[in-house]
Structure formats: structure tokens, C-alpha cells
Amino acid sequence: MNFENMVEIAYNEMGQTKKQRIVIPELSIEITPTRARWLNVIPFCESVNHKSNIIFEYLKKELKGKNVVWFSPNEDDGIQIIAKKMKKPDIITLVEKYVTNFVNCSSCNNAISTLTKTDGKYYNYECLTCGFTKCVSI
């Protein structure tokens, strides 16, 4: 058996991993002159398989100086950002950045991942497709 045959057999045994994509719902955002409200936070979190408190922490960190709160004790009502001149594209850009940094795998580019809290302010990122892990700070 020559080297080329051994490599071909090894690749066949490994199998092909199909790229997995997730379907993110269109963001439902209401804008007023002094506030912005992201209504469908929970469906977004369910689609990316992350907890809602993680995206909440991320928004608070990225929008420092602006008041980011849950609209009501019931998280299904969404997140409210109290700030003047907040625009819908600004929020969409932040969510896209979150997906790029904390959902999509930098190793295999698949979007099936989890974030789990560790000690302190760090999270363990794990790609469920290729097994890539890293420690991230939100």
C-alpha cells in the first residue's frame, strides 16, 4: 500500500463534515428618540443556543455609558437601551459582532457552539462541530 492510498483511506474514514449554519431571526427593534428596545432577544438566544444573560452582559459592556436594562422582569419582553440617538443599524452591528466573535467557530467556521461561564468574567467557548475550545471574555 502506497502513501497516497493510505491518505485517501484516512480521509474517507474521517468523513466529511458538512458546514452547519443557523437561522437567526430578523431583529425586531423599536426606536424612540431616547430609547431603543430589542423585542426578540429570547428567540435570538435560542437560535444561537446561548443564554440570554450572556447577550445582556455583552450589550452592557459594548454600550458603556448607556443604560441597558431588561424591559420588564419577564425577559420575553426584550432589552431596553436608554440612550439618545440610538439607531437600529448600531444594534444590528453589535449583534453581528457578537455572532462573529462568540457564535461562529474561528477554526471550522460552523455556527454550532456553546458558551459556559467559568470563574470570574470569563466564558469557555466550545464548537460542537470540531471540538475547538477557547477562553473568552465578554
C-alpha atoms as a PDB file:
ATOM      1  CA  MET A   1       0.000   0.000   0.000  1.00  0.00           C
ATOM      2  CA  ASN A   2       1.490   3.313  -1.027  1.00  0.00           C
ATOM      3  CA  PHE A   3       1.288   6.623   0.795  1.00  0.00           C
ATOM      4  CA  GLU A   4      -1.426   8.130  -1.447  1.00  0.00           C
ATOM      5  CA  ASN A   5      -3.752   5.189  -0.786  1.00  0.00           C
ATOM      6  CA  MET A   6      -3.207   5.447   2.970  1.00  0.00           C
ATOM      7  CA  VAL A   7      -4.034   9.176   2.922  1.00  0.00           C
ATOM      8  CA  GLU A   8      -7.165   8.550   0.840  1.00  0.00           C
ATOM      9  CA  ILE A   9      -8.329   5.804   3.219  1.00  0.00           C
ATOM     10  CA  ALA A  10      -7.697   8.066   6.231  1.00  0.00           C
ATOM     11  CA  TYR A  11      -9.734  10.887   4.701  1.00  0.00           C
ATOM     12  CA  ASN A  12     -12.587   8.502   3.896  1.00  0.00           C
ATOM     13  CA  GLU A  13     -12.615   7.183   7.469  1.00  0.00           C
ATOM     14  CA  MET A  14     -12.721  10.701   8.908  1.00  0.00           C
ATOM     15  CA  GLY A  15     -15.790  11.536   6.869  1.00  0.00           C
ATOM     16  CA  GLN A  16     -16.802  14.889   5.531  1.00  0.00           C
ATOM     17  CA  THR A  17     -18.089  17.457   7.984  1.00  0.00           C
ATOM     18  CA  LYS A  18     -20.888  19.458   6.492  1.00  0.00           C
ATOM     19  CA  LYS A  19     -20.940  23.164   7.213  1.00  0.00           C
ATOM     20  CA  GLN A  20     -23.777  23.895   9.594  1.00  0.00           C
ATOM     21  CA  ARG A  21     -25.499  27.244   9.526  1.00  0.00           C
ATOM     22  CA  ILE A  22     -28.028  28.633  11.923  1.00  0.00           C
ATOM     23  CA  VAL A  23     -31.043  30.706  11.055  1.00  0.00           C
ATOM     24  CA  ILE A  24     -31.084  33.905  13.070  1.00  0.00           C
ATOM     25  CA  PRO A  25     -34.457  35.634  13.250  1.00  0.00           C
ATOM     26  CA  GLU A  26     -34.686  39.163  11.899  1.00  0.00           C
ATOM     27  CA  LEU A  27     -34.119  41.556  14.783  1.00  0.00           C
ATOM     28  CA  SER A  28     -37.256  43.288  15.955  1.00  0.00           C
ATOM     29  CA  ILE A  29     -36.126  46.693  17.205  1.00  0.00           C
ATOM     30  CA  GLU A  30     -38.267  49.691  18.166  1.00  0.00           C
ATOM     31  CA  ILE A  31     -36.588  53.098  18.226  1.00  0.00           C
ATOM     32  CA  THR A  32     -37.810  56.228  20.035  1.00  0.00           C
ATOM     33  CA  PRO A  33     -35.862  59.488  20.442  1.00  0.00           C
ATOM     34  CA  THR A  34     -34.459  58.456  23.833  1.00  0.00           C
ATOM     35  CA  ARG A  35     -34.732  54.660  23.851  1.00  0.00           C
ATOM     36  CA  ALA A  36     -34.267  51.554  21.774  1.00  0.00           C
ATOM     37  CA  ARG A  37     -35.971  48.270  22.527  1.00  0.00           C
ATOM     38  CA  TRP A  38     -34.889  44.910  21.134  1.00  0.00           C
ATOM     39  CA  LEU A  39     -38.020  42.765  21.330  1.00  0.00           C
ATOM     40  CA  ASN A  40     -36.980  39.298  20.150  1.00  0.00           C
ATOM     41  CA  VAL A  41     -33.909  38.683  22.314  1.00  0.00           C
ATOM     42  CA  ILE A  42     -35.102  35.275  23.542  1.00  0.00           C
ATOM     43  CA  PRO A  43     -35.736  33.811  20.032  1.00  0.00           C
ATOM     44  CA  PHE A  44     -32.283  35.098  19.006  1.00  0.00           C
ATOM     45  CA  CYS A  45     -30.662  33.409  22.028  1.00  0.00           C
ATOM     46  CA  GLU A  46     -32.499  30.162  21.317  1.00  0.00           C
ATOM     47  CA  SER A  47     -31.360  30.203  17.679  1.00  0.00           C
ATOM     48  CA  VAL A  48     -27.675  30.612  18.639  1.00  0.00           C
ATOM     49  CA  ASN A  49     -28.016  28.236  21.643  1.00  0.00           C
ATOM     50  CA  HIS A  50     -26.706  30.829  24.135  1.00  0.00           C
ATOM     51  CA  LYS A  51     -28.273  32.094  27.346  1.00  0.00           C
ATOM     52  CA  SER A  52     -29.962  35.490  27.357  1.00  0.00           C
ATOM     53  CA  ASN A  53     -27.843  36.795  30.237  1.00  0.00           C
ATOM     54  CA  ILE A  54     -24.721  36.421  28.045  1.00  0.00           C
ATOM     55  CA  ILE A  55     -26.029  38.710  25.293  1.00  0.00           C
ATOM     56  CA  PHE A  56     -27.271  41.096  28.005  1.00  0.00           C
ATOM     57  CA  GLU A  57     -23.763  41.266  29.547  1.00  0.00           C
ATOM     58  CA  TYR A  58     -22.258  41.739  26.094  1.00  0.00           C
ATOM     59  CA  LEU A  59     -24.551  44.689  25.288  1.00  0.00           C
ATOM     60  CA  LYS A  60     -23.845  46.310  28.669  1.00  0.00           C
ATOM     61  CA  LYS A  61     -20.103  46.072  28.026  1.00  0.00           C
ATOM     62  CA  GLU A  62     -20.253  47.291  24.422  1.00  0.00           C
ATOM     63  CA  LEU A  63     -22.650  50.159  25.192  1.00  0.00           C
ATOM     64  CA  LYS A  64     -20.822  51.544  28.209  1.00  0.00           C
ATOM     65  CA  GLY A  65     -22.250  54.854  29.221  1.00  0.00           C
ATOM     66  CA  LYS A  66     -25.728  53.826  28.103  1.00  0.00           C
ATOM     67  CA  ASN A  67     -28.307  52.272  30.389  1.00  0.00           C
ATOM     68  CA  VAL A  68     -29.056  48.703  29.237  1.00  0.00           C
ATOM     69  CA  VAL A  69     -31.884  47.004  31.159  1.00  0.00           C
ATOM     70  CA  TRP A  70     -34.454  44.274  30.696  1.00  0.00           C
ATOM     71  CA  PHE A  71     -37.726  45.904  29.653  1.00  0.00           C
ATOM     72  CA  SER A  72     -39.547  44.034  32.434  1.00  0.00           C
ATOM     73  CA  PRO A  73     -38.765  41.248  34.896  1.00  0.00           C
ATOM     74  CA  ASN A  74     -40.119  38.913  32.217  1.00  0.00           C
ATOM     75  CA  GLU A  75     -37.159  38.617  29.809  1.00  0.00           C
ATOM     76  CA  ASP A  76     -39.544  37.767  26.963  1.00  0.00           C
ATOM     77  CA  ASP A  77     -40.358  41.487  26.732  1.00  0.00           C
ATOM     78  CA  GLY A  78     -36.848  42.300  25.494  1.00  0.00           C
ATOM     79  CA  ILE A  79     -33.914  44.547  26.275  1.00  0.00           C
ATOM     80  CA  GLN A  80     -34.223  48.310  26.524  1.00  0.00           C
ATOM     81  CA  ILE A  81     -31.317  50.648  25.790  1.00  0.00           C
ATOM     82  CA  ILE A  82     -31.818  54.114  27.228  1.00  0.00           C
ATOM     83  CA  ALA A  83     -29.746  56.464  25.110  1.00  0.00           C
ATOM     84  CA  LYS A  84     -30.324  59.396  22.816  1.00  0.00           C
ATOM     85  CA  LYS A  85     -29.791  58.959  19.082  1.00  0.00           C
ATOM     86  CA  MET A  86     -29.525  55.151  19.221  1.00  0.00           C
ATOM     87  CA  LYS A  87     -30.087  53.748  15.741  1.00  0.00           C
ATOM     88  CA  LYS A  88     -31.271  50.345  14.567  1.00  0.00           C
ATOM     89  CA  PRO A  89     -28.117  49.732  12.445  1.00  0.00           C
ATOM     90  CA  ASP A  90     -25.972  50.300  15.559  1.00  0.00           C
ATOM     91  CA  ILE A  91     -27.737  47.469  17.398  1.00  0.00           C
ATOM     92  CA  ILE A  92     -27.636  45.192  14.350  1.00  0.00           C
ATOM     93  CA  THR A  93     -23.884  45.792  14.040  1.00  0.00           C
ATOM     94  CA  LEU A  94     -23.378  44.852  17.708  1.00  0.00           C
ATOM     95  CA  VAL A  95     -25.379  41.639  17.261  1.00  0.00           C
ATOM     96  CA  GLU A  96     -23.410  40.755  14.108  1.00  0.00           C
ATOM     97  CA  LYS A  97     -20.176  41.323  16.049  1.00  0.00           C
ATOM     98  CA  TYR A  98     -21.466  39.028  18.807  1.00  0.00           C
ATOM     99  CA  VAL A  99     -22.250  36.298  16.273  1.00  0.00           C
ATOM    100  CA  THR A 100     -18.821  36.655  14.661  1.00  0.00           C
ATOM    101  CA  ASN A 101     -16.899  36.568  17.951  1.00  0.00           C
ATOM    102  CA  PHE A 102     -18.959  34.228  20.137  1.00  0.00           C
ATOM    103  CA  VAL A 103     -21.102  32.022  17.868  1.00  0.00           C
ATOM    104  CA  ASN A 104     -19.111  31.272  14.701  1.00  0.00           C
ATOM    105  CA  CYS A 105     -16.129  28.967  15.176  1.00  0.00           C
ATOM    106  CA  SER A 106     -12.824  30.523  14.145  1.00  0.00           C
ATOM    107  CA  SER A 107     -11.450  27.066  13.351  1.00  0.00           C
ATOM    108  CA  CYS A 108     -14.124  25.402  11.184  1.00  0.00           C
ATOM    109  CA  ASN A 109     -16.482  28.377  10.564  1.00  0.00           C
ATOM    110  CA  ASN A 110     -19.551  26.467  11.801  1.00  0.00           C
ATOM    111  CA  ALA A 111     -22.102  28.197  13.989  1.00  0.00           C
ATOM    112  CA  ILE A 112     -22.998  25.407  16.396  1.00  0.00           C
ATOM    113  CA  SER A 113     -21.369  26.401  19.686  1.00  0.00           C
ATOM    114  CA  THR A 114     -21.885  26.914  23.403  1.00  0.00           C
ATOM    115  CA  LEU A 115     -20.649  29.415  25.963  1.00  0.00           C
ATOM    116  CA  THR A 116     -20.368  28.343  29.589  1.00  0.00           C
ATOM    117  CA  LYS A 117     -19.450  30.616  32.489  1.00  0.00           C
ATOM    118  CA  THR A 118     -16.206  29.940  34.353  1.00  0.00           C
ATOM    119  CA  ASP A 119     -14.794  31.664  37.391  1.00  0.00           C
ATOM    120  CA  GLY A 120     -14.893  35.433  37.204  1.00  0.00           C
ATOM    121  CA  LYS A 121     -15.688  37.227  33.969  1.00  0.00           C
ATOM    122  CA  TYR A 122     -14.569  34.507  31.544  1.00  0.00           C
ATOM    123  CA  TYR A 123     -16.528  32.031  29.437  1.00  0.00           C
ATOM    124  CA  ASN A 124     -15.487  28.775  27.813  1.00  0.00           C
ATOM    125  CA  TYR A 125     -16.363  28.746  24.115  1.00  0.00           C
ATOM    126  CA  GLU A 126     -16.795  25.293  22.570  1.00  0.00           C
ATOM    127  CA  CYS A 127     -17.569  24.458  18.954  1.00  0.00           C
ATOM    128  CA  LEU A 128     -19.883  21.442  18.923  1.00  0.00           C
ATOM    129  CA  THR A 129     -18.802  20.506  15.391  1.00  0.00           C
ATOM    130  CA  CYS A 130     -14.997  20.343  15.548  1.00  0.00           C
ATOM    131  CA  GLY A 131     -14.429  20.480  19.322  1.00  0.00           C
ATOM    132  CA  PHE A 132     -12.404  23.717  19.212  1.00  0.00           C
ATOM    133  CA  THR A 133     -12.339  25.462  22.609  1.00  0.00           C
ATOM    134  CA  LYS A 134     -11.120  28.816  23.819  1.00  0.00           C
ATOM    135  CA  CYS A 135     -11.498  31.089  26.802  1.00  0.00           C
ATOM    136  CA  VAL A 136     -13.268  34.362  26.007  1.00  0.00           C
ATOM    137  CA  SER A 137     -14.114  37.489  27.924  1.00  0.00           C
ATOM    138  CA  ILE A 138     -17.380  39.242  27.181  1.00  0.00           C
END
